[in-house]
Each structure stands twice: as C-alpha cells, then as structure tokens.
Amino acid sequence: MTRELQGRVAIVTGASRRQGIGFAIARRLASMGAGLFLQSYAPYDRLKPWGANEQNGDGMVSELRATGVRVESIELELSEPGSPAKLVTSATEMHGHVDILVINHAYDVAESLDELSIE
C-alpha cells in the first residue's frame, strides 16, 4: 500500500469501536500515511446494544500508531454547542493542521421529527 496521505491529518468522528466503521476508516487512512485525530463518545455507546469499547480505546490507538502515524483522540459529545469547534481546535493544536474530515458519528433518538427540538 502506498503512503499517498503522508503528511496529511484526518479527523475521524465516531471512531469508538474496533468493529465499527469509524475505526475501519481510521485504519485505512493510517495505512495510507495520514495522521489521525479520533472522536468518540462512550456514554452514547453504553446506551446501545453494542455497548462501549471501554477496554479497547487505548488498544485501538496503539494499533493505529503501530502503522507509524501520529494518532490522538478525544471523547466529546458533538451535539453540545461548541463541541464541533473544540474538536477542530484540539486536532489543530495537536497536529498543526487538518486536511481531511470524516463525519462518521451518528446519534439516534426515539422521538419523531415533529417532537425534536434544538435542545
């Protein structure tokens, strides 16, 4: 595999489970040489049937770092005001710049669209 993303930095949201799409995307980007800044939110995962990846968070980061790229992560609830800005600011502070943004996170609720509010 070529390292055509060497020197690039990617933010990947929703990278919280080794079996998840976010981690698969992060693994592929790392294999291409991209530095990574991963976002996860374990309290949401704990509410879901798949549960939170409590034991593997550090293991996932270590696995990605083993490819030779810099990997940092943050646990952040992206539906809170200011969180998206904090995500980008944190990634920029850690890596110096951001080149790629992968929006992979999801958040579902049981209410219908008519019942939802900004809060």
PDB file of N, CA and C in Angstrom:
ATOM      1  N   MET A   1       0.843  -1.176   0.000  1.00  0.00           N
ATOM      2  CA  MET A   1       0.000   0.000   0.000  1.00  0.00           C
ATOM      3  C   MET A   1       0.891   1.242   0.000  1.00  0.00           C
ATOM      4  N   THR A   2       0.535   2.202  -0.798  1.00  0.00           N
ATOM      5  CA  THR A   2       1.320   3.428  -0.871  1.00  0.00           C
ATOM      6  C   THR A   2       0.972   4.346   0.299  1.00  0.00           C
ATOM      7  N   ARG A   3       1.816   5.293   0.561  1.00  0.00           N
ATOM      8  CA  ARG A   3       1.633   6.238   1.667  1.00  0.00           C
ATOM      9  C   ARG A   3       1.272   7.610   1.084  1.00  0.00           C
ATOM     10  N   GLU A   4       0.303   7.651   0.167  1.00  0.00           N
ATOM     11  CA  GLU A   4      -0.029   8.893  -0.534  1.00  0.00           C
ATOM     12  C   GLU A   4      -0.620   9.979   0.360  1.00  0.00           C
ATOM     13  N   LEU A   5      -0.996   9.644   1.597  1.00  0.00           N
ATOM     14  CA  LEU A   5      -1.519  10.662   2.521  1.00  0.00           C
ATOM     15  C   LEU A   5      -0.486  11.073   3.571  1.00  0.00           C
ATOM     16  N   GLN A   6       0.775  10.702   3.357  1.00  0.00           N
ATOM     17  CA  GLN A   6       1.862  11.084   4.259  1.00  0.00           C
ATOM     18  C   GLN A   6       1.857  12.605   4.446  1.00  0.00           C
ATOM     19  N   GLY A   7       1.902  13.057   5.689  1.00  0.00           N
ATOM     20  CA  GLY A   7       1.903  14.490   5.980  1.00  0.00           C
ATOM     21  C   GLY A   7       0.522  15.099   6.106  1.00  0.00           C
ATOM     22  N   ARG A   8      -0.496  14.355   5.761  1.00  0.00           N
ATOM     23  CA  ARG A   8      -1.878  14.828   5.901  1.00  0.00           C
ATOM     24  C   ARG A   8      -2.408  14.420   7.267  1.00  0.00           C
ATOM     25  N   VAL A   9      -3.423  15.152   7.739  1.00  0.00           N
ATOM     26  CA  VAL A   9      -4.055  14.850   9.025  1.00  0.00           C
ATOM     27  C   VAL A   9      -5.551  14.718   8.812  1.00  0.00           C
ATOM     28  N   ALA A  10      -6.130  13.669   9.382  1.00  0.00           N
ATOM     29  CA  ALA A  10      -7.561  13.417   9.250  1.00  0.00           C
ATOM     30  C   ALA A  10      -8.233  13.389  10.616  1.00  0.00           C
ATOM     31  N   ILE A  11      -9.356  14.081  10.723  1.00  0.00           N
ATOM     32  CA  ILE A  11     -10.264  13.924  11.860  1.00  0.00           C
ATOM     33  C   ILE A  11     -11.263  12.854  11.444  1.00  0.00           C
ATOM     34  N   VAL A  12     -11.485  11.867  12.314  1.00  0.00           N
ATOM     35  CA  VAL A  12     -12.496  10.844  12.068  1.00  0.00           C
ATOM     36  C   VAL A  12     -13.417  10.826  13.286  1.00  0.00           C
ATOM     37  N   THR A  13     -14.692  11.175  13.087  1.00  0.00           N
ATOM     38  CA  THR A  13     -15.651  11.128  14.188  1.00  0.00           C
ATOM     39  C   THR A  13     -16.276   9.743  14.256  1.00  0.00           C
ATOM     40  N   GLY A  14     -16.801   9.411  15.423  1.00  0.00           N
ATOM     41  CA  GLY A  14     -17.460   8.122  15.593  1.00  0.00           C
ATOM     42  C   GLY A  14     -16.504   6.950  15.520  1.00  0.00           C
ATOM     43  N   ALA A  15     -15.281   7.145  15.976  1.00  0.00           N
ATOM     44  CA  ALA A  15     -14.281   6.072  15.961  1.00  0.00           C
ATOM     45  C   ALA A  15     -14.146   5.521  17.376  1.00  0.00           C
ATOM     46  N   SER A  16     -15.157   4.775  17.795  1.00  0.00           N
ATOM     47  CA  SER A  16     -15.198   4.348  19.193  1.00  0.00           C
ATOM     48  C   SER A  16     -15.144   2.840  19.403  1.00  0.00           C
ATOM     49  N   ARG A  17     -15.317   2.062  18.328  1.00  0.00           N
ATOM     50  CA  ARG A  17     -15.360   0.602  18.490  1.00  0.00           C
ATOM     51  C   ARG A  17     -14.490  -0.061  17.436  1.00  0.00           C
ATOM     52  N   ARG A  18     -13.746  -1.061  17.843  1.00  0.00           N
ATOM     53  CA  ARG A  18     -12.877  -1.777  16.913  1.00  0.00           C
ATOM     54  C   ARG A  18     -13.695  -2.392  15.761  1.00  0.00           C
ATOM     55  N   GLN A  19     -14.948  -2.773  16.014  1.00  0.00           N
ATOM     56  CA  GLN A  19     -15.793  -3.374  14.984  1.00  0.00           C
ATOM     57  C   GLN A  19     -16.553  -2.323  14.176  1.00  0.00           C
ATOM     58  N   GLY A  20     -16.353  -1.049  14.457  1.00  0.00           N
ATOM     59  CA  GLY A  20     -17.137  -0.008  13.814  1.00  0.00           C
ATOM     60  C   GLY A  20     -16.545   0.528  12.525  1.00  0.00           C
ATOM     61  N   ILE A  21     -17.377   1.261  11.811  1.00  0.00           N
ATOM     62  CA  ILE A  21     -16.968   1.870  10.540  1.00  0.00           C
ATOM     63  C   ILE A  21     -15.888   2.920  10.763  1.00  0.00           C
ATOM     64  N   GLY A  22     -16.010   3.712  11.842  1.00  0.00           N
ATOM     65  CA  GLY A  22     -15.027   4.760  12.109  1.00  0.00           C
ATOM     66  C   GLY A  22     -13.624   4.213  12.261  1.00  0.00           C
ATOM     67  N   PHE A  23     -13.487   3.113  12.992  1.00  0.00           N
ATOM     68  CA  PHE A  23     -12.165   2.515  13.171  1.00  0.00           C
ATOM     69  C   PHE A  23     -11.648   1.950  11.848  1.00  0.00           C
ATOM     70  N   ALA A  24     -12.529   1.359  11.053  1.00  0.00           N
ATOM     71  CA  ALA A  24     -12.115   0.829   9.744  1.00  0.00           C
ATOM     72  C   ALA A  24     -11.600   1.960   8.850  1.00  0.00           C
ATOM     73  N   ILE A  25     -12.282   3.092   8.871  1.00  0.00           N
ATOM     74  CA  ILE A  25     -11.839   4.250   8.088  1.00  0.00           C
ATOM     75  C   ILE A  25     -10.487   4.742   8.609  1.00  0.00           C
ATOM     76  N   ALA A  26     -10.377   4.850   9.937  1.00  0.00           N
ATOM     77  CA  ALA A  26      -9.125   5.314  10.539  1.00  0.00           C
ATOM     78  C   ALA A  26      -7.964   4.375  10.182  1.00  0.00           C
ATOM     79  N   ARG A  27      -8.204   3.078  10.243  1.00  0.00           N
ATOM     80  CA  ARG A  27      -7.163   2.103   9.911  1.00  0.00           C
ATOM     81  C   ARG A  27      -6.708   2.277   8.464  1.00  0.00           C
ATOM     82  N   ARG A  28      -7.651   2.487   7.568  1.00  0.00           N
ATOM     83  CA  ARG A  28      -7.303   2.671   6.147  1.00  0.00           C
ATOM     84  C   ARG A  28      -6.498   3.956   5.942  1.00  0.00           C
ATOM     85  N   LEU A  29      -6.946   5.053   6.572  1.00  0.00           N
ATOM     86  CA  LEU A  29      -6.216   6.318   6.449  1.00  0.00           C
ATOM     87  C   LEU A  29      -4.804   6.198   7.017  1.00  0.00           C
ATOM     88  N   ALA A  30      -4.668   5.516   8.153  1.00  0.00           N
ATOM     89  CA  ALA A  30      -3.342   5.309   8.751  1.00  0.00           C
ATOM     90  C   ALA A  30      -2.445   4.504   7.811  1.00  0.00           C
ATOM     91  N   SER A  31      -3.015   3.494   7.174  1.00  0.00           N
ATOM     92  CA  SER A  31      -2.217   2.671   6.257  1.00  0.00           C
ATOM     93  C   SER A  31      -1.736   3.478   5.054  1.00  0.00           C
ATOM     94  N   MET A  32      -2.424   4.577   4.780  1.00  0.00           N
ATOM     95  CA  MET A  32      -2.042   5.461   3.676  1.00  0.00           C
ATOM     96  C   MET A  32      -1.143   6.593   4.152  1.00  0.00           C
ATOM     97  N   GLY A  33      -0.809   6.594   5.467  1.00  0.00           N
ATOM     98  CA  GLY A  33       0.145   7.560   5.989  1.00  0.00           C
ATOM     99  C   GLY A  33      -0.436   8.772   6.678  1.00  0.00           C
ATOM    100  N   ALA A  34      -1.751   8.877   6.771  1.00  0.00           N
ATOM    101  CA  ALA A  34      -2.365  10.059   7.390  1.00  0.00           C
ATOM    102  C   ALA A  34      -2.261  10.010   8.907  1.00  0.00           C
ATOM    103  N   GLY A  35      -1.925  11.142   9.519  1.00  0.00           N
ATOM    104  CA  GLY A  35      -2.042  11.288  10.956  1.00  0.00           C
ATOM    105  C   GLY A  35      -3.513  11.356  11.311  1.00  0.00           C
ATOM    106  N   LEU A  36      -3.870  10.968  12.529  1.00  0.00           N
ATOM    107  CA  LEU A  36      -5.277  10.857  12.890  1.00  0.00           C
ATOM    108  C   LEU A  36      -5.614  11.591  14.173  1.00  0.00           C
ATOM    109  N   PHE A  37      -6.814  12.143  14.196  1.00  0.00           N
ATOM    110  CA  PHE A  37      -7.408  12.682  15.411  1.00  0.00           C
ATOM    111  C   PHE A  37      -8.809  12.082  15.474  1.00  0.00           C
ATOM    112  N   LEU A  38      -9.013  11.198  16.452  1.00  0.00           N
ATOM    113  CA  LEU A  38     -10.250  10.426  16.538  1.00  0.00           C
ATOM    114  C   LEU A  38     -11.185  10.990  17.588  1.00  0.00           C
ATOM    115  N   GLN A  39     -12.477  11.001  17.286  1.00  0.00           N
ATOM    116  CA  GLN A  39     -13.502  11.417  18.240  1.00  0.00           C
ATOM    117  C   GLN A  39     -14.358  10.218  18.574  1.00  0.00           C
ATOM    118  N   SER A  40     -14.695  10.089  19.858  1.00  0.00           N
ATOM    119  CA  SER A  40     -15.626   9.055  20.307  1.00  0.00           C
ATOM    120  C   SER A  40     -16.465   9.635  21.439  1.00  0.00           C
ATOM    121  N   TYR A  41     -17.521   8.907  21.816  1.00  0.00           N
ATOM    122  CA  TYR A  41     -18.356   9.326  22.942  1.00  0.00           C
ATOM    123  C   TYR A  41     -18.958   8.084  23.588  1.00  0.00           C
ATOM    124  N   ALA A  42     -18.249   7.523  24.554  1.00  0.00           N
ATOM    125  CA  ALA A  42     -18.626   6.263  25.195  1.00  0.00           C
ATOM    126  C   ALA A  42     -19.991   6.309  25.890  1.00  0.00           C
ATOM    127  N   PRO A  43     -20.417   7.423  26.523  1.00  0.00           N
ATOM    128  CA  PRO A  43     -21.745   7.405  27.164  1.00  0.00           C
ATOM    129  C   PRO A  43     -22.876   7.062  26.198  1.00  0.00           C
ATOM    130  N   TYR A  44     -22.778   7.480  24.961  1.00  0.00           N
ATOM    131  CA  TYR A  44     -23.782   7.119  23.957  1.00  0.00           C
ATOM    132  C   TYR A  44     -23.707   5.624  23.653  1.00  0.00           C
ATOM    133  N   ASP A  45     -22.495   5.126  23.423  1.00  0.00           N
ATOM    134  CA  ASP A  45     -22.332   3.704  23.111  1.00  0.00           C
ATOM    135  C   ASP A  45     -22.852   2.809  24.233  1.00  0.00           C
ATOM    136  N   ARG A  46     -22.693   3.244  25.486  1.00  0.00           N
ATOM    137  CA  ARG A  46     -23.167   2.441  26.622  1.00  0.00           C
ATOM    138  C   ARG A  46     -24.679   2.226  26.582  1.00  0.00           C
ATOM    139  N   LEU A  47     -25.404   3.137  25.953  1.00  0.00           N
ATOM    140  CA  LEU A  47     -26.866   3.035  25.867  1.00  0.00           C
ATOM    141  C   LEU A  47     -27.326   2.099  24.746  1.00  0.00           C
ATOM    142  N   LYS A  48     -26.433   1.719  23.882  1.00  0.00           N
ATOM    143  CA  LYS A  48     -26.769   0.928  22.707  1.00  0.00           C
ATOM    144  C   LYS A  48     -26.471  -0.557  22.935  1.00  0.00           C
ATOM    145  N   PRO A  49     -27.096  -1.432  22.146  1.00  0.00           N
ATOM    146  CA  PRO A  49     -26.877  -2.878  22.313  1.00  0.00           C
ATOM    147  C   PRO A  49     -25.409  -3.290  22.188  1.00  0.00           C
ATOM    148  N   TRP A  50     -24.629  -2.573  21.383  1.00  0.00           N
ATOM    149  CA  TRP A  50     -23.228  -2.940  21.197  1.00  0.00           C
ATOM    150  C   TRP A  50     -22.352  -2.534  22.367  1.00  0.00           C
ATOM    151  N   GLY A  51     -22.808  -1.584  23.183  1.00  0.00           N
ATOM    152  CA  GLY A  51     -22.050  -1.161  24.356  1.00  0.00           C
ATOM    153  C   GLY A  51     -20.810  -0.347  24.017  1.00  0.00           C
ATOM    154  N   ALA A  52     -20.183   0.174  25.038  1.00  0.00           N
ATOM    155  CA  ALA A  52     -18.973   0.983  24.869  1.00  0.00           C
ATOM    156  C   ALA A  52     -17.751   0.085  24.772  1.00  0.00           C
ATOM    157  N   ASN A  53     -16.750   0.597  24.135  1.00  0.00           N
ATOM    158  CA  ASN A  53     -15.499  -0.117  23.924  1.00  0.00           C
ATOM    159  C   ASN A  53     -14.505   0.277  25.019  1.00  0.00           C
ATOM    160  N   GLU A  54     -14.909   0.092  26.276  1.00  0.00           N
ATOM    161  CA  GLU A  54     -14.148   0.581  27.423  1.00  0.00           C
ATOM    162  C   GLU A  54     -12.697   0.078  27.423  1.00  0.00           C
ATOM    163  N   GLN A  55     -12.465  -1.169  27.138  1.00  0.00           N
ATOM    164  CA  GLN A  55     -11.135  -1.755  27.246  1.00  0.00           C
ATOM    165  C   GLN A  55     -10.270  -1.531  26.011  1.00  0.00           C
ATOM    166  N   ASN A  56     -10.884  -1.287  24.866  1.00  0.00           N
ATOM    167  CA  ASN A  56     -10.106  -1.259  23.637  1.00  0.00           C
ATOM    168  C   ASN A  56      -9.751   0.121  23.112  1.00  0.00           C
ATOM    169  N   GLY A  57     -10.193   1.194  23.767  1.00  0.00           N
ATOM    170  CA  GLY A  57      -9.873   2.532  23.282  1.00  0.00           C
ATOM    171  C   GLY A  57      -8.385   2.749  23.123  1.00  0.00           C
ATOM    172  N   ASP A  58      -7.622   2.476  24.176  1.00  0.00           N
ATOM    173  CA  ASP A  58      -6.167   2.621  24.099  1.00  0.00           C
ATOM    174  C   ASP A  58      -5.569   1.608  23.134  1.00  0.00           C
ATOM    175  N   GLY A  59      -6.128   0.416  23.096  1.00  0.00           N
ATOM    176  CA  GLY A  59      -5.646  -0.605  22.176  1.00  0.00           C
ATOM    177  C   GLY A  59      -5.834  -0.205  20.727  1.00  0.00           C
ATOM    178  N   MET A  60      -6.953   0.440  20.431  1.00  0.00           N
ATOM    179  CA  MET A  60      -7.212   0.908  19.072  1.00  0.00           C
ATOM    180  C   MET A  60      -6.184   1.962  18.683  1.00  0.00           C
ATOM    181  N   VAL A  61      -5.936   2.908  19.578  1.00  0.00           N
ATOM    182  CA  VAL A  61      -4.959   3.961  19.299  1.00  0.00           C
ATOM    183  C   VAL A  61      -3.574   3.342  19.114  1.00  0.00           C
ATOM    184  N   SER A  62      -3.200   2.403  19.979  1.00  0.00           N
ATOM    185  CA  SER A  62      -1.900   1.739  19.856  1.00  0.00           C
ATOM    186  C   SER A  62      -1.773   0.998  18.533  1.00  0.00           C
ATOM    187  N   GLU A  63      -2.845   0.323  18.131  1.00  0.00           N
ATOM    188  CA  GLU A  63      -2.821  -0.403  16.852  1.00  0.00           C
ATOM    189  C   GLU A  63      -2.592   0.550  15.687  1.00  0.00           C
ATOM    190  N   LEU A  64      -3.263   1.683  15.718  1.00  0.00           N
ATOM    191  CA  LEU A  64      -3.099   2.663  14.642  1.00  0.00           C
ATOM    192  C   LEU A  64      -1.708   3.292  14.675  1.00  0.00           C
ATOM    193  N   ARG A  65      -1.209   3.581  15.864  1.00  0.00           N
ATOM    194  CA  ARG A  65       0.140   4.154  15.984  1.00  0.00           C
ATOM    195  C   ARG A  65       1.201   3.183  15.468  1.00  0.00           C
ATOM    196  N   ALA A  66       0.933   1.897  15.568  1.00  0.00           N
ATOM    197  CA  ALA A  66       1.888   0.895  15.099  1.00  0.00           C
ATOM    198  C   ALA A  66       2.121   0.984  13.592  1.00  0.00           C
ATOM    199  N   THR A  67       1.240   1.674  12.876  1.00  0.00           N
ATOM    200  CA  THR A  67       1.435   1.865  11.435  1.00  0.00           C
ATOM    201  C   THR A  67       2.452   2.966  11.158  1.00  0.00           C
ATOM    202  N   GLY A  68       2.887   3.657  12.232  1.00  0.00           N
ATOM    203  CA  GLY A  68       3.901   4.700  12.068  1.00  0.00           C
ATOM    204  C   GLY A  68       3.357   6.105  11.960  1.00  0.00           C
ATOM    205  N   VAL A  69       2.060   6.275  12.202  1.00  0.00           N
ATOM    206  CA  VAL A  69       1.478   7.622  12.126  1.00  0.00           C
ATOM    207  C   VAL A  69       1.154   8.131  13.531  1.00  0.00           C
ATOM    208  N   ARG A  70       1.028   9.445  13.641  1.00  0.00           N
ATOM    209  CA  ARG A  70       0.645  10.052  14.909  1.00  0.00           C
ATOM    210  C   ARG A  70      -0.869   9.948  15.055  1.00  0.00           C
ATOM    211  N   VAL A  71      -1.308   9.484  16.220  1.00  0.00           N
ATOM    212  CA  VAL A  71      -2.734   9.315  16.496  1.00  0.00           C
ATOM    213  C   VAL A  71      -3.047   9.928  17.848  1.00  0.00           C
ATOM    214  N   GLU A  72      -4.039  10.782  17.872  1.00  0.00           N
ATOM    215  CA  GLU A  72      -4.552  11.375  19.108  1.00  0.00           C
ATOM    216  C   GLU A  72      -6.053  11.150  19.113  1.00  0.00           C
ATOM    217  N   SER A  73      -6.667  11.250  20.302  1.00  0.00           N
ATOM    218  CA  SER A  73      -8.116  11.045  20.373  1.00  0.00           C
ATOM    219  C   SER A  73      -8.722  11.943  21.432  1.00  0.00           C
ATOM    220  N   ILE A  74     -10.034  12.109  21.333  1.00  0.00           N
ATOM    221  CA  ILE A  74     -10.787  12.914  22.279  1.00  0.00           C
ATOM    222  C   ILE A  74     -12.170  12.283  22.447  1.00  0.00           C
ATOM    223  N   GLU A  75     -12.671  12.304  23.682  1.00  0.00           N
ATOM    224  CA  GLU A  75     -14.053  11.895  23.908  1.00  0.00           C
ATOM    225  C   GLU A  75     -14.862  13.177  24.000  1.00  0.00           C
ATOM    226  N   LEU A  76     -15.856  13.294  23.130  1.00  0.00           N
ATOM    227  CA  LEU A  76     -16.573  14.552  23.002  1.00  0.00           C
ATOM    228  C   LEU A  76     -17.984  14.299  22.494  1.00  0.00           C
ATOM    229  N   GLU A  77     -18.963  14.896  23.140  1.00  0.00           N
ATOM    230  CA  GLU A  77     -20.373  14.835  22.706  1.00  0.00           C
ATOM    231  C   GLU A  77     -20.590  15.929  21.669  1.00  0.00           C
ATOM    232  N   LEU A  78     -20.684  15.560  20.411  1.00  0.00           N
ATOM    233  CA  LEU A  78     -20.738  16.542  19.328  1.00  0.00           C
ATOM    234  C   LEU A  78     -22.065  17.271  19.195  1.00  0.00           C
ATOM    235  N   SER A  79     -23.104  16.845  19.921  1.00  0.00           N
ATOM    236  CA  SER A  79     -24.368  17.578  19.843  1.00  0.00           C
ATOM    237  C   SER A  79     -24.383  18.782  20.784  1.00  0.00           C
ATOM    238  N   GLU A  80     -23.394  18.910  21.648  1.00  0.00           N
ATOM    239  CA  GLU A  80     -23.327  20.058  22.550  1.00  0.00           C
ATOM    240  C   GLU A  80     -22.773  21.267  21.807  1.00  0.00           C
ATOM    241  N   PRO A  81     -23.376  22.448  22.039  1.00  0.00           N
ATOM    242  CA  PRO A  81     -22.874  23.659  21.379  1.00  0.00           C
ATOM    243  C   PRO A  81     -21.383  23.854  21.667  1.00  0.00           C
ATOM    244  N   GLY A  82     -20.659  24.221  20.673  1.00  0.00           N
ATOM    245  CA  GLY A  82     -19.237  24.466  20.821  1.00  0.00           C
ATOM    246  C   GLY A  82     -18.362  23.236  20.649  1.00  0.00           C
ATOM    247  N   SER A  83     -18.946  22.040  20.712  1.00  0.00           N
ATOM    248  CA  SER A  83     -18.141  20.823  20.599  1.00  0.00           C
ATOM    249  C   SER A  83     -17.478  20.646  19.235  1.00  0.00           C
ATOM    250  N   PRO A  84     -18.185  20.904  18.136  1.00  0.00           N
ATOM    251  CA  PRO A  84     -17.503  20.765  16.843  1.00  0.00           C
ATOM    252  C   PRO A  84     -16.288  21.693  16.722  1.00  0.00           C
ATOM    253  N   ALA A  85     -16.430  22.920  17.216  1.00  0.00           N
ATOM    254  CA  ALA A  85     -15.296  23.850  17.184  1.00  0.00           C
ATOM    255  C   ALA A  85     -14.163  23.333  18.066  1.00  0.00           C
ATOM    256  N   LYS A  86     -14.508  22.785  19.228  1.00  0.00           N
ATOM    257  CA  LYS A  86     -13.492  22.229  20.121  1.00  0.00           C
ATOM    258  C   LYS A  86     -12.764  21.064  19.451  1.00  0.00           C
ATOM    259  N   LEU A  87     -13.488  20.241  18.723  1.00  0.00           N
ATOM    260  CA  LEU A  87     -12.889  19.110  18.014  1.00  0.00           C
ATOM    261  C   LEU A  87     -11.831  19.593  17.025  1.00  0.00           C
ATOM    262  N   VAL A  88     -12.196  20.542  16.195  1.00  0.00           N
ATOM    263  CA  VAL A  88     -11.272  21.042  15.173  1.00  0.00           C
ATOM    264  C   VAL A  88     -10.096  21.777  15.820  1.00  0.00           C
ATOM    265  N   THR A  89     -10.388  22.590  16.835  1.00  0.00           N
ATOM    266  CA  THR A  89      -9.323  23.319  17.533  1.00  0.00           C
ATOM    267  C   THR A  89      -8.345  22.351  18.185  1.00  0.00           C
ATOM    268  N   SER A  90      -8.862  21.320  18.858  1.00  0.00           N
ATOM    269  CA  SER A  90      -7.997  20.334  19.517  1.00  0.00           C
ATOM    270  C   SER A  90      -7.133  19.598  18.510  1.00  0.00           C
ATOM    271  N   ALA A  91      -7.728  19.196  17.400  1.00  0.00           N
ATOM    272  CA  ALA A  91      -6.962  18.492  16.367  1.00  0.00           C
ATOM    273  C   ALA A  91      -5.873  19.389  15.791  1.00  0.00           C
ATOM    274  N   THR A  92      -6.202  20.640  15.565  1.00  0.00           N
ATOM    275  CA  THR A  92      -5.235  21.588  15.012  1.00  0.00           C
ATOM    276  C   THR A  92      -4.106  21.848  16.003  1.00  0.00           C
ATOM    277  N   GLU A  93      -4.451  21.966  17.284  1.00  0.00           N
ATOM    278  CA  GLU A  93      -3.416  22.175  18.302  1.00  0.00           C
ATOM    279  C   GLU A  93      -2.480  20.969  18.382  1.00  0.00           C
ATOM    280  N   MET A  94      -3.010  19.764  18.273  1.00  0.00           N
ATOM    281  CA  MET A  94      -2.201  18.542  18.372  1.00  0.00           C
ATOM    282  C   MET A  94      -1.346  18.296  17.126  1.00  0.00           C
ATOM    283  N   HIS A  95      -1.935  18.537  15.951  1.00  0.00           N
ATOM    284  CA  HIS A  95      -1.267  18.173  14.701  1.00  0.00           C
ATOM    285  C   HIS A  95      -0.754  19.364  13.896  1.00  0.00           C
ATOM    286  N   GLY A  96      -1.196  20.571  14.223  1.00  0.00           N
ATOM    287  CA  GLY A  96      -0.760  21.749  13.487  1.00  0.00           C
ATOM    288  C   GLY A  96      -1.666  22.136  12.335  1.00  0.00           C
ATOM    289  N   HIS A  97      -2.416  21.186  11.809  1.00  0.00           N
ATOM    290  CA  HIS A  97      -3.341  21.443  10.696  1.00  0.00           C
ATOM    291  C   HIS A  97      -4.267  20.246  10.545  1.00  0.00           C
ATOM    292  N   VAL A  98      -5.332  20.438   9.775  1.00  0.00           N
ATOM    293  CA  VAL A  98      -6.261  19.352   9.441  1.00  0.00           C
ATOM    294  C   VAL A  98      -6.518  19.427   7.946  1.00  0.00           C
ATOM    295  N   ASP A  99      -6.408  18.290   7.275  1.00  0.00           N
ATOM    296  CA  ASP A  99      -6.618  18.229   5.832  1.00  0.00           C
ATOM    297  C   ASP A  99      -7.871  17.470   5.426  1.00  0.00           C
ATOM    298  N   ILE A 100      -8.268  16.499   6.255  1.00  0.00           N
ATOM    299  CA  ILE A 100      -9.365  15.586   5.908  1.00  0.00           C
ATOM    300  C   ILE A 100     -10.329  15.532   7.074  1.00  0.00           C
ATOM    301  N   LEU A 101     -11.615  15.591   6.775  1.00  0.00           N
ATOM    302  CA  LEU A 101     -12.653  15.484   7.806  1.00  0.00           C
ATOM    303  C   LEU A 101     -13.624  14.379   7.409  1.00  0.00           C
ATOM    304  N   VAL A 102     -13.697  13.343   8.241  1.00  0.00           N
ATOM    305  CA  VAL A 102     -14.621  12.232   8.004  1.00  0.00           C
ATOM    306  C   VAL A 102     -15.686  12.281   9.094  1.00  0.00           C
ATOM    307  N   ILE A 103     -16.905  12.635   8.698  1.00  0.00           N
ATOM    308  CA  ILE A 103     -18.024  12.717   9.634  1.00  0.00           C
ATOM    309  C   ILE A 103     -18.716  11.352   9.631  1.00  0.00           C
ATOM    310  N   ASN A 104     -18.401  10.559  10.624  1.00  0.00           N
ATOM    311  CA  ASN A 104     -18.909   9.195  10.700  1.00  0.00           C
ATOM    312  C   ASN A 104     -19.851   8.987  11.878  1.00  0.00           C
ATOM    313  N   HIS A 105     -19.876   9.912  12.831  1.00  0.00           N
ATOM    314  CA  HIS A 105     -20.672   9.695  14.043  1.00  0.00           C
ATOM    315  C   HIS A 105     -22.170   9.767  13.738  1.00  0.00           C
ATOM    316  N   ALA A 106     -22.926   9.147  14.609  1.00  0.00           N
ATOM    317  CA  ALA A 106     -24.384   9.162  14.499  1.00  0.00           C
ATOM    318  C   ALA A 106     -24.965   9.240  15.900  1.00  0.00           C
ATOM    319  N   TYR A 107     -26.171   9.737  15.970  1.00  0.00           N
ATOM    320  CA  TYR A 107     -26.867   9.827  17.257  1.00  0.00           C
ATOM    321  C   TYR A 107     -28.343   9.678  16.956  1.00  0.00           C
ATOM    322  N   ASP A 108     -28.952   8.643  17.486  1.00  0.00           N
ATOM    323  CA  ASP A 108     -30.370   8.452  17.213  1.00  0.00           C
ATOM    324  C   ASP A 108     -31.179   8.580  18.495  1.00  0.00           C
ATOM    325  N   VAL A 109     -32.405   8.992  18.321  1.00  0.00           N
ATOM    326  CA  VAL A 109     -33.350   9.127  19.426  1.00  0.00           C
ATOM    327  C   VAL A 109     -34.670   8.504  19.008  1.00  0.00           C
ATOM    328  N   ALA A 110     -35.527   8.213  19.986  1.00  0.00           N
ATOM    329  CA  ALA A 110     -36.785   7.539  19.704  1.00  0.00           C
ATOM    330  C   ALA A 110     -37.898   8.492  19.255  1.00  0.00           C
ATOM    331  N   GLU A 111     -37.722   9.787  19.412  1.00  0.00           N
ATOM    332  CA  GLU A 111     -38.769  10.736  19.052  1.00  0.00           C
ATOM    333  C   GLU A 111     -38.898  10.884  17.528  1.00  0.00           C
ATOM    334  N   SER A 112     -40.082  11.323  17.108  1.00  0.00           N
ATOM    335  CA  SER A 112     -40.279  11.612  15.691  1.00  0.00           C
ATOM    336  C   SER A 112     -39.696  12.987  15.402  1.00  0.00           C
ATOM    337  N   LEU A 113     -39.549  13.315  14.130  1.00  0.00           N
ATOM    338  CA  LEU A 113     -39.008  14.625  13.753  1.00  0.00           C
ATOM    339  C   LEU A 113     -39.853  15.768  14.307  1.00  0.00           C
ATOM    340  N   ASP A 114     -41.168  15.570  14.371  1.00  0.00           N
ATOM    341  CA  ASP A 114     -42.055  16.617  14.897  1.00  0.00           C
ATOM    342  C   ASP A 114     -41.820  16.870  16.389  1.00  0.00           C
ATOM    343  N   GLU A 115     -41.311  15.886  17.101  1.00  0.00           N
ATOM    344  CA  GLU A 115     -41.080  16.011  18.537  1.00  0.00           C
ATOM    345  C   GLU A 115     -39.694  16.530  18.907  1.00  0.00           C
ATOM    346  N   LEU A 116     -38.783  16.586  17.950  1.00  0.00           N
ATOM    347  CA  LEU A 116     -37.425  17.007  18.233  1.00  0.00           C
ATOM    348  C   LEU A 116     -37.323  18.512  18.381  1.00  0.00           C
ATOM    349  N   SER A 117     -36.399  18.937  19.223  1.00  0.00           N
ATOM    350  CA  SER A 117     -36.091  20.357  19.372  1.00  0.00           C
ATOM    351  C   SER A 117     -34.574  20.520  19.304  1.00  0.00           C
ATOM    352  N   ILE A 118     -34.118  21.737  19.246  1.00  0.00           N
ATOM    353  CA  ILE A 118     -32.678  22.012  19.205  1.00  0.00           C
ATOM    354  C   ILE A 118     -31.990  21.501  20.457  1.00  0.00           C
ATOM    355  N   GLU A 119     -32.673  21.532  21.585  1.00  0.00           N
ATOM    356  CA  GLU A 119     -32.093  21.044  22.826  1.00  0.00           C
ATOM    357  C   GLU A 119     -31.900  19.553  22.750  1.00  0.00           C
TER     358      GLU A 119
END
